[in-house]
Amino acid sequence: MAGTDKRKQSLYFPEEMLKEIQEEANRQDRSLSWVVQQAWKIARDRIKSFPAVNDVTGDERQDPREEGRS
């Protein structure tokens, strides 16, 4: 059975967001890493539903109310 991959990665958060995450980690007596991992597990399906930047074409940016108008 393979062990857990514990590679280090730097992540950058806005100061206020980091403060909120730290407060929640302290409240739960957990690490910042644990809180962020749980947040990802909860939010990943919603985030994956967002279109990628390259998925947006010029046609999709057009206001649908403008279709058929000349």
C-alpha atoms as a PDB file:
ATOM      1  CA  MET A   1       0.000   0.000   0.000  1.00  0.00           C
ATOM      2  CA  ALA A   2       1.460   3.354  -1.083  1.00  0.00           C
ATOM      3  CA  GLY A   3       2.047   6.081   1.510  1.00  0.00           C
ATOM      4  CA  THR A   4       0.484   9.520   1.394  1.00  0.00           C
ATOM      5  CA  ASP A   5       2.200  11.938  -0.977  1.00  0.00           C
ATOM      6  CA  LYS A   6       3.228  14.923   1.142  1.00  0.00           C
ATOM      7  CA  ARG A   7       4.904  17.195  -1.402  1.00  0.00           C
ATOM      8  CA  LYS A   8       5.160  20.824  -0.371  1.00  0.00           C
ATOM      9  CA  GLN A   9       3.410  23.470  -2.422  1.00  0.00           C
ATOM     10  CA  SER A  10       3.248  27.205  -1.866  1.00  0.00           C
ATOM     11  CA  LEU A  11      -0.191  28.757  -2.122  1.00  0.00           C
ATOM     12  CA  TYR A  12      -0.940  32.449  -1.935  1.00  0.00           C
ATOM     13  CA  PHE A  13      -4.119  33.815  -0.370  1.00  0.00           C
ATOM     14  CA  PRO A  14      -5.354  37.351   0.145  1.00  0.00           C
ATOM     15  CA  GLU A  15      -4.514  38.473   3.674  1.00  0.00           C
ATOM     16  CA  GLU A  16      -8.141  38.601   4.872  1.00  0.00           C
ATOM     17  CA  MET A  17      -8.902  35.138   3.501  1.00  0.00           C
ATOM     18  CA  LEU A  18      -5.809  33.677   5.116  1.00  0.00           C
ATOM     19  CA  LYS A  19      -6.820  35.265   8.421  1.00  0.00           C
ATOM     20  CA  GLU A  20     -10.286  33.684   8.180  1.00  0.00           C
ATOM     21  CA  ILE A  21      -8.833  30.263   7.352  1.00  0.00           C
ATOM     22  CA  GLN A  22      -6.397  30.547  10.271  1.00  0.00           C
ATOM     23  CA  GLU A  23      -9.215  31.511  12.654  1.00  0.00           C
ATOM     24  CA  GLU A  24     -11.261  28.514  11.513  1.00  0.00           C
ATOM     25  CA  ALA A  25      -8.245  26.215  11.851  1.00  0.00           C
ATOM     26  CA  ASN A  26      -7.698  27.498  15.390  1.00  0.00           C
ATOM     27  CA  ARG A  27     -11.389  27.089  16.234  1.00  0.00           C
ATOM     28  CA  GLN A  28     -11.309  23.464  15.088  1.00  0.00           C
ATOM     29  CA  ASP A  29      -7.829  22.826  16.487  1.00  0.00           C
ATOM     30  CA  ARG A  30      -6.728  21.763  12.982  1.00  0.00           C
ATOM     31  CA  SER A  31      -3.945  22.828  10.620  1.00  0.00           C
ATOM     32  CA  LEU A  32      -4.344  25.332   7.805  1.00  0.00           C
ATOM     33  CA  SER A  33      -3.577  22.511   5.405  1.00  0.00           C
ATOM     34  CA  TRP A  34      -6.375  20.352   6.797  1.00  0.00           C
ATOM     35  CA  VAL A  35      -8.930  23.173   6.500  1.00  0.00           C
ATOM     36  CA  VAL A  36      -7.936  23.940   2.899  1.00  0.00           C
ATOM     37  CA  GLN A  37      -8.037  20.235   1.965  1.00  0.00           C
ATOM     38  CA  GLN A  38     -11.532  19.874   3.419  1.00  0.00           C
ATOM     39  CA  ALA A  39     -12.694  23.027   1.621  1.00  0.00           C
ATOM     40  CA  TRP A  40     -11.402  21.622  -1.679  1.00  0.00           C
ATOM     41  CA  LYS A  41     -13.194  18.302  -1.114  1.00  0.00           C
ATOM     42  CA  ILE A  42     -16.450  20.156  -0.489  1.00  0.00           C
ATOM     43  CA  ALA A  43     -16.104  22.666  -3.347  1.00  0.00           C
ATOM     44  CA  ARG A  44     -14.377  20.681  -6.108  1.00  0.00           C
ATOM     45  CA  ASP A  45     -17.518  19.604  -8.002  1.00  0.00           C
ATOM     46  CA  ARG A  46     -18.775  23.185  -8.071  1.00  0.00           C
ATOM     47  CA  ILE A  47     -15.377  24.528  -9.160  1.00  0.00           C
ATOM     48  CA  LYS A  48     -15.071  21.878 -11.876  1.00  0.00           C
ATOM     49  CA  SER A  49     -18.396  23.076 -13.313  1.00  0.00           C
ATOM     50  CA  PHE A  50     -16.910  26.527 -14.062  1.00  0.00           C
ATOM     51  CA  PRO A  51     -15.943  26.980 -17.709  1.00  0.00           C
ATOM     52  CA  ALA A  52     -12.246  27.092 -18.449  1.00  0.00           C
ATOM     53  CA  VAL A  53     -10.886  30.321 -19.922  1.00  0.00           C
ATOM     54  CA  ASN A  54     -10.281  28.558 -23.243  1.00  0.00           C
ATOM     55  CA  ASP A  55     -13.846  27.183 -23.269  1.00  0.00           C
ATOM     56  CA  VAL A  56     -15.324  30.650 -23.792  1.00  0.00           C
ATOM     57  CA  THR A  57     -15.657  31.674 -27.426  1.00  0.00           C
ATOM     58  CA  GLY A  58     -16.708  34.975 -28.914  1.00  0.00           C
ATOM     59  CA  ASP A  59     -20.211  33.618 -29.576  1.00  0.00           C
ATOM     60  CA  GLU A  60     -20.736  32.646 -25.944  1.00  0.00           C
ATOM     61  CA  ARG A  61     -19.749  36.100 -24.743  1.00  0.00           C
ATOM     62  CA  GLN A  62     -22.488  37.699 -26.830  1.00  0.00           C
ATOM     63  CA  ASP A  63     -25.625  38.727 -24.971  1.00  0.00           C
ATOM     64  CA  PRO A  64     -28.298  36.142 -25.927  1.00  0.00           C
ATOM     65  CA  ARG A  65     -30.854  38.970 -26.096  1.00  0.00           C
ATOM     66  CA  GLU A  66     -28.909  40.351 -29.062  1.00  0.00           C
ATOM     67  CA  GLU A  67     -29.340  37.187 -31.190  1.00  0.00           C
ATOM     68  CA  GLY A  68     -31.297  37.709 -34.375  1.00  0.00           C
ATOM     69  CA  ARG A  69     -30.925  41.477 -34.266  1.00  0.00           C
ATOM     70  CA  SER A  70     -29.195  43.322 -37.099  1.00  0.00           C
END
